C-alpha atoms as a PDB file:
ATOM      1  CA  MET A   1     -54.164  98.428  69.423  1.00  0.00           C
ATOM      2  CA  LEU A   2     -51.656  99.336  66.773  1.00  0.00           C
ATOM      3  CA  PRO A   3     -49.559  96.741  65.001  1.00  0.00           C
ATOM      4  CA  LEU A   4     -45.797  97.303  65.084  1.00  0.00           C
ATOM      5  CA  VAL A   5     -45.851  98.477  61.445  1.00  0.00           C
ATOM      6  CA  ALA A   6     -48.200 101.323  62.397  1.00  0.00           C
ATOM      7  CA  VAL A   7     -45.892 102.264  65.266  1.00  0.00           C
ATOM      8  CA  LEU A   8     -42.929 102.374  62.888  1.00  0.00           C
ATOM      9  CA  LEU A   9     -44.824 104.638  60.515  1.00  0.00           C
ATOM     10  CA  ALA A  10     -45.982 106.881  63.355  1.00  0.00           C
ATOM     11  CA  THR A  11     -42.607 107.609  64.930  1.00  0.00           C
ATOM     12  CA  PRO A  12     -42.438 111.353  65.678  1.00  0.00           C
ATOM     13  CA  ALA A  13     -40.225 113.253  63.223  1.00  0.00           C
ATOM     14  CA  PRO A  14     -37.863 115.884  64.690  1.00  0.00           C
ATOM     15  CA  VAL A  15     -38.323 119.375  63.277  1.00  0.00           C
ATOM     16  CA  ALA A  16     -36.052 121.697  65.306  1.00  0.00           C
ATOM     17  CA  PRO A  17     -33.338 122.505  66.046  1.00  0.00           C
ATOM     18  CA  PRO A  18     -31.742 121.859  62.652  1.00  0.00           C
ATOM     19  CA  ASP A  19     -29.731 118.632  62.508  1.00  0.00           C
ATOM     20  CA  ASP A  20     -26.015 119.490  62.744  1.00  0.00           C
ATOM     21  CA  PRO A  21     -23.972 116.257  63.107  1.00  0.00           C
ATOM     22  CA  SER A  22     -20.703 118.123  62.464  1.00  0.00           C
ATOM     23  CA  PHE A  23     -21.453 120.637  65.283  1.00  0.00           C
ATOM     24  CA  ARG A  24     -20.551 123.628  63.091  1.00  0.00           C
ATOM     25  CA  ARG A  25     -23.619 125.862  63.648  1.00  0.00           C
ATOM     26  CA  CYS A  26     -23.994 126.060  67.408  1.00  0.00           C
ATOM     27  CA  LEU A  27     -27.022 127.690  68.995  1.00  0.00           C
ATOM     28  CA  LYS A  28     -26.973 130.377  71.659  1.00  0.00           C
ATOM     29  CA  PRO A  29     -28.684 128.613  74.541  1.00  0.00           C
ATOM     30  CA  GLY A  30     -30.539 131.526  76.125  1.00  0.00           C
ATOM     31  CA  ASP A  31     -32.867 130.096  78.771  1.00  0.00           C
ATOM     32  CA  GLY A  32     -33.168 126.838  76.882  1.00  0.00           C
ATOM     33  CA  ILE A  33     -33.376 125.040  73.554  1.00  0.00           C
ATOM     34  CA  GLU A  34     -36.800 124.060  72.237  1.00  0.00           C
ATOM     35  CA  LEU A  35     -36.895 120.567  70.777  1.00  0.00           C
ATOM     36  CA  ARG A  36     -39.774 120.305  68.297  1.00  0.00           C
ATOM     37  CA  TRP A  37     -41.230 117.378  66.391  1.00  0.00           C
ATOM     38  CA  GLU A  38     -44.264 116.436  64.385  1.00  0.00           C
ATOM     39  CA  GLU A  39     -46.780 114.630  66.505  1.00  0.00           C
ATOM     40  CA  PRO A  40     -47.675 111.165  65.226  1.00  0.00           C
ATOM     41  CA  GLU A  41     -51.208 110.792  63.885  1.00  0.00           C
ATOM     42  CA  GLU A  42     -51.847 107.672  65.953  1.00  0.00           C
ATOM     43  CA  GLU A  43     -52.291 107.824  69.727  1.00  0.00           C
ATOM     44  CA  LEU A  44     -48.774 106.972  70.838  1.00  0.00           C
ATOM     45  CA  GLY A  45     -46.692 107.804  73.835  1.00  0.00           C
ATOM     46  CA  VAL A  46     -43.569 109.757  72.982  1.00  0.00           C
ATOM     47  CA  TRP A  47     -40.321 109.094  74.791  1.00  0.00           C
ATOM     48  CA  LEU A  48     -37.458 111.609  74.516  1.00  0.00           C
ATOM     49  CA  LEU A  49     -33.801 110.712  75.035  1.00  0.00           C
ATOM     50  CA  VAL A  50     -31.118 113.443  75.051  1.00  0.00           C
ATOM     51  CA  LYS A  51     -27.409 112.663  75.369  1.00  0.00           C
ATOM     52  CA  ARG A  52     -24.488 115.048  75.844  1.00  0.00           C
ATOM     53  CA  LEU A  53     -20.942 114.443  74.660  1.00  0.00           C
ATOM     54  CA  ASP A  54     -18.671 114.641  77.706  1.00  0.00           C
ATOM     55  CA  GLU A  55     -15.036 115.751  77.955  1.00  0.00           C
ATOM     56  CA  GLY A  56     -13.861 112.181  77.328  1.00  0.00           C
ATOM     57  CA  ARG A  57     -15.854 112.140  74.043  1.00  0.00           C
ATOM     58  CA  GLU A  58     -18.401 109.651  75.420  1.00  0.00           C
ATOM     59  CA  TRP A  59     -22.167 110.109  75.073  1.00  0.00           C
ATOM     60  CA  ARG A  60     -23.870 110.389  78.470  1.00  0.00           C
ATOM     61  CA  THR A  61     -27.612 110.482  79.082  1.00  0.00           C
ATOM     62  CA  TRP A  62     -28.665 114.051  79.859  1.00  0.00           C
ATOM     63  CA  VAL A  63     -32.488 113.684  79.823  1.00  0.00           C
ATOM     64  CA  LYS A  64     -34.854 110.751  79.408  1.00  0.00           C
ATOM     65  CA  THR A  65     -38.550 111.292  79.839  1.00  0.00           C
ATOM     66  CA  TRP A  66     -42.069 110.807  78.533  1.00  0.00           C
ATOM     67  CA  VAL A  67     -43.295 113.945  76.809  1.00  0.00           C
ATOM     68  CA  SER A  68     -46.878 114.981  76.190  1.00  0.00           C
ATOM     69  CA  GLY A  69     -46.142 116.799  72.943  1.00  0.00           C
ATOM     70  CA  PRO A  70     -43.894 119.351  71.344  1.00  0.00           C
ATOM     71  CA  PRO A  71     -42.125 121.485  72.175  1.00  0.00           C
ATOM     72  CA  PHE A  72     -39.894 120.266  74.971  1.00  0.00           C
ATOM     73  CA  THR A  73     -37.604 122.956  76.397  1.00  0.00           C
ATOM     74  CA  LEU A  74     -34.175 121.670  77.317  1.00  0.00           C
ATOM     75  CA  LEU A  75     -33.115 124.048  80.102  1.00  0.00           C
ATOM     76  CA  MET A  76     -29.558 125.388  79.918  1.00  0.00           C
ATOM     77  CA  ARG A  77     -28.824 126.690  83.406  1.00  0.00           C
ATOM     78  CA  SER A  78     -25.334 125.324  84.086  1.00  0.00           C
ATOM     79  CA  PRO A  79     -22.178 126.453  82.240  1.00  0.00           C
ATOM     80  CA  ARG A  80     -21.610 122.840  81.128  1.00  0.00           C
ATOM     81  CA  ALA A  81     -25.091 122.701  79.602  1.00  0.00           C
ATOM     82  CA  ARG A  82     -24.630 126.027  77.856  1.00  0.00           C
ATOM     83  CA  ASN A  83     -21.491 124.835  76.049  1.00  0.00           C
ATOM     84  CA  GLY A  84     -22.086 121.317  74.826  1.00  0.00           C
ATOM     85  CA  ASP A  85     -22.700 118.890  71.976  1.00  0.00           C
ATOM     86  CA  TYR A  86     -26.020 117.028  72.092  1.00  0.00           C
ATOM     87  CA  ALA A  87     -27.840 114.178  70.404  1.00  0.00           C
ATOM     88  CA  TRP A  88     -31.582 113.589  70.747  1.00  0.00           C
ATOM     89  CA  LEU A  89     -33.876 110.767  69.759  1.00  0.00           C
ATOM     90  CA  LEU A  90     -37.632 110.229  69.871  1.00  0.00           C
ATOM     91  CA  PHE A  91     -39.466 106.948  70.355  1.00  0.00           C
ATOM     92  CA  GLY A  92     -43.081 106.290  69.410  1.00  0.00           C
ATOM     93  CA  VAL A  93     -44.557 103.858  71.941  1.00  0.00           C
ATOM     94  CA  ASP A  94     -47.801 101.907  71.840  1.00  0.00           C
ATOM     95  CA  ARG A  95     -48.338 101.542  75.577  1.00  0.00           C
ATOM     96  CA  GLU A  96     -51.011  98.845  75.239  1.00  0.00           C
ATOM     97  CA  GLU A  97     -48.913  96.484  73.126  1.00  0.00           C
ATOM     98  CA  GLY A  98     -45.550  97.554  74.464  1.00  0.00           C
ATOM     99  CA  ALA A  99     -44.330  98.028  70.879  1.00  0.00           C
ATOM    100  CA  PHE A 100     -42.013 100.902  70.164  1.00  0.00           C
ATOM    101  CA  ALA A 101     -39.981 102.382  67.343  1.00  0.00           C
ATOM    102  CA  ALA A 102     -37.131 104.850  67.486  1.00  0.00           C
ATOM    103  CA  GLY A 103     -36.525 107.659  65.058  1.00  0.00           C
ATOM    104  CA  ASP A 104     -33.108 108.834  63.923  1.00  0.00           C
ATOM    105  CA  TRP A 105     -30.573 110.608  66.109  1.00  0.00           C
ATOM    106  CA  ARG A 106     -30.428 114.382  65.596  1.00  0.00           C
ATOM    107  CA  TYR A 107     -27.525 116.566  66.684  1.00  0.00           C
ATOM    108  CA  PHE A 108     -26.980 120.154  67.821  1.00  0.00           C
ATOM    109  CA  CYS A 109     -24.513 122.143  69.895  1.00  0.00           C
ATOM    110  CA  THR A 110     -24.714 125.137  72.199  1.00  0.00           C
ATOM    111  CA  ARG A 111     -22.127 127.867  72.730  1.00  0.00           C
ATOM    112  CA  GLU A 112     -22.398 131.100  74.668  1.00  0.00           C
END
């Protein structure tokens, strides 16, 4: 079992896409956007949360799921998905103790 301090130190670190909180360098979505992160050294579960900024400028949950490891491909099939502003966050979770730690929000946008 890992103490909470170890969980905090082991939180997965996002690698790609580049963090763009001002939404100035939008990505062409293609078939999807690959979210990449460094896997924690400790045996932790990784929880992914992706939110999309809606027309009313409110963040809405787009995806929330356990992931087995990087990368995770965020599919961009709908026109709304292909033209949007996104935020994503990773959690490192010690499933035995129930302890978890969240990383920092990262931002990107997509435009066709």
